[in-house]
C-alpha cells in the first residue's frame, strides 16, 4: 500500500519561499566564508610580522648591523702606562 500525496497550501508556500531564498542564502554564506578566510590570513600576517624573520635584508643593512656590534677596545691593560 502506497502513501497518497495530498497537496496543501502551506506546504506549497514553504517550497516556493525556499526556492526563492536559496540563491540569496548561498551568496550570503559565500561572503561570510570569504570574510572569515580574510580574517585568518590577516591574523597570520600579523603574527608572522612579530614572530618570523624580516622579509628582506639588503646588504647595506647587514653591514650596518655588524658595525654597530663592534666596540672600541677599552681593556684595563691598555690603559696602564708603561714603566
C-alpha atoms as a PDB file:
ATOM      1  CA  UNK A   1       0.000   0.000   0.000  1.00  0.00           C
ATOM      2  CA  UNK A   2       1.483   3.313  -1.091  1.00  0.00           C
ATOM      3  CA  UNK A   3       1.019   6.625   0.580  1.00  0.00           C
ATOM      4  CA  UNK A   4      -1.264   9.074  -1.075  1.00  0.00           C
ATOM      5  CA  UNK A   5       0.198  12.547  -1.661  1.00  0.00           C
ATOM      6  CA  UNK A   6      -2.031  15.372  -0.682  1.00  0.00           C
ATOM      7  CA  UNK A   7      -1.157  18.878  -1.838  1.00  0.00           C
ATOM      8  CA  UNK A   8      -1.937  21.543   0.685  1.00  0.00           C
ATOM      9  CA  UNK A   9      -1.359  25.281   0.544  1.00  0.00           C
ATOM     10  CA  UNK A  10       1.015  25.622   3.480  1.00  0.00           C
ATOM     11  CA  UNK A  11       3.480  23.127   2.039  1.00  0.00           C
ATOM     12  CA  UNK A  12       3.360  24.736  -1.407  1.00  0.00           C
ATOM     13  CA  UNK A  13       4.031  28.137   0.170  1.00  0.00           C
ATOM     14  CA  UNK A  14       7.033  26.799   2.069  1.00  0.00           C
ATOM     15  CA  UNK A  15       8.517  25.142  -1.019  1.00  0.00           C
ATOM     16  CA  UNK A  16       8.139  28.305  -3.113  1.00  0.00           C
ATOM     17  CA  UNK A  17       9.702  30.515  -0.459  1.00  0.00           C
ATOM     18  CA  UNK A  18      12.585  28.077  -0.027  1.00  0.00           C
ATOM     19  CA  UNK A  19      13.308  28.150  -3.758  1.00  0.00           C
ATOM     20  CA  UNK A  20      13.232  31.970  -3.778  1.00  0.00           C
ATOM     21  CA  UNK A  21      15.590  32.336  -0.835  1.00  0.00           C
ATOM     22  CA  UNK A  22      18.045  29.598  -1.804  1.00  0.00           C
ATOM     23  CA  UNK A  23      20.192  31.816  -4.063  1.00  0.00           C
ATOM     24  CA  UNK A  24      20.343  34.657  -1.533  1.00  0.00           C
ATOM     25  CA  UNK A  25      21.371  32.271   1.248  1.00  0.00           C
ATOM     26  CA  UNK A  26      24.147  30.762  -0.874  1.00  0.00           C
ATOM     27  CA  UNK A  27      25.535  34.215  -1.692  1.00  0.00           C
ATOM     28  CA  UNK A  28      25.418  35.266   1.962  1.00  0.00           C
ATOM     29  CA  UNK A  29      27.220  32.094   3.032  1.00  0.00           C
ATOM     30  CA  UNK A  30      29.951  32.621   0.410  1.00  0.00           C
ATOM     31  CA  UNK A  31      30.500  36.211   1.540  1.00  0.00           C
ATOM     32  CA  UNK A  32      30.804  35.080   5.148  1.00  0.00           C
ATOM     33  CA  UNK A  33      33.269  32.362   4.160  1.00  0.00           C
ATOM     34  CA  UNK A  34      35.463  34.860   2.287  1.00  0.00           C
ATOM     35  CA  UNK A  35      35.430  37.272   5.233  1.00  0.00           C
ATOM     36  CA  UNK A  36      36.469  34.508   7.616  1.00  0.00           C
ATOM     37  CA  UNK A  37      39.312  33.435   5.324  1.00  0.00           C
ATOM     38  CA  UNK A  38      40.480  37.045   5.051  1.00  0.00           C
ATOM     39  CA  UNK A  39      40.419  37.405   8.824  1.00  0.00           C
ATOM     40  CA  UNK A  40      42.543  34.264   9.282  1.00  0.00           C
ATOM     41  CA  UNK A  41      45.024  35.481   6.642  1.00  0.00           C
ATOM     42  CA  UNK A  42      45.364  38.887   8.308  1.00  0.00           C
ATOM     43  CA  UNK A  43      45.899  37.297  11.709  1.00  0.00           C
ATOM     44  CA  UNK A  44      48.586  35.054  10.203  1.00  0.00           C
ATOM     45  CA  UNK A  45      50.356  38.000   8.593  1.00  0.00           C
ATOM     46  CA  UNK A  46      50.324  39.952  11.836  1.00  0.00           C
ATOM     47  CA  UNK A  47      51.759  37.005  13.753  1.00  0.00           C
ATOM     48  CA  UNK A  48      54.408  36.421  11.094  1.00  0.00           C
ATOM     49  CA  UNK A  49      55.452  40.048  11.337  1.00  0.00           C
ATOM     50  CA  UNK A  50      56.226  39.765  15.043  1.00  0.00           C
ATOM     51  CA  UNK A  51      57.428  36.168  15.204  1.00  0.00           C
ATOM     52  CA  UNK A  52      59.222  35.464  11.945  1.00  0.00           C
ATOM     53  CA  UNK A  53      62.368  36.949  10.406  1.00  0.00           C
ATOM     54  CA  UNK A  54      62.167  40.163   8.373  1.00  0.00           C
ATOM     55  CA  UNK A  55      61.004  39.745   4.795  1.00  0.00           C
ATOM     56  CA  UNK A  56      64.030  41.263   3.078  1.00  0.00           C
ATOM     57  CA  UNK A  57      67.539  42.178   4.173  1.00  0.00           C
ATOM     58  CA  UNK A  58      69.628  44.379   1.977  1.00  0.00           C
ATOM     59  CA  UNK A  59      73.447  44.165   2.115  1.00  0.00           C
ATOM     60  CA  UNK A  60      73.612  47.721   3.412  1.00  0.00           C
ATOM     61  CA  UNK A  61      71.541  46.937   6.490  1.00  0.00           C
ATOM     62  CA  UNK A  62      73.664  43.872   7.221  1.00  0.00           C
ATOM     63  CA  UNK A  63      76.895  45.874   7.228  1.00  0.00           C
ATOM     64  CA  UNK A  64      75.348  48.494   9.470  1.00  0.00           C
ATOM     65  CA  UNK A  65      74.286  45.901  11.987  1.00  0.00           C
ATOM     66  CA  UNK A  66      77.811  44.443  12.069  1.00  0.00           C
ATOM     67  CA  UNK A  67      79.443  47.801  12.648  1.00  0.00           C
ATOM     68  CA  UNK A  68      77.055  48.601  15.472  1.00  0.00           C
ATOM     69  CA  UNK A  69      78.167  45.480  17.306  1.00  0.00           C
ATOM     70  CA  UNK A  70      81.848  46.422  17.227  1.00  0.00           C
ATOM     71  CA  UNK A  71      83.066  48.319  20.272  1.00  0.00           C
ATOM     72  CA  UNK A  72      86.424  50.034  20.824  1.00  0.00           C
ATOM     73  CA  UNK A  73      88.848  48.141  22.985  1.00  0.00           C
ATOM     74  CA  UNK A  74      88.857  49.709  26.464  1.00  0.00           C
ATOM     75  CA  UNK A  75      90.676  46.987  28.274  1.00  0.00           C
ATOM     76  CA  UNK A  76      92.301  47.709  31.638  1.00  0.00           C
ATOM     77  CA  UNK A  77      95.724  46.529  30.388  1.00  0.00           C
ATOM     78  CA  UNK A  78      95.738  49.065  27.564  1.00  0.00           C
ATOM     79  CA  UNK A  79      95.215  51.999  29.936  1.00  0.00           C
ATOM     80  CA  UNK A  80      98.156  51.214  32.289  1.00  0.00           C
ATOM     81  CA  UNK A  81     101.140  53.432  31.491  1.00  0.00           C
ATOM     82  CA  UNK A  82     104.308  51.511  30.741  1.00  0.00           C
ATOM     83  CA  UNK A  83     107.156  51.843  33.245  1.00  0.00           C
END
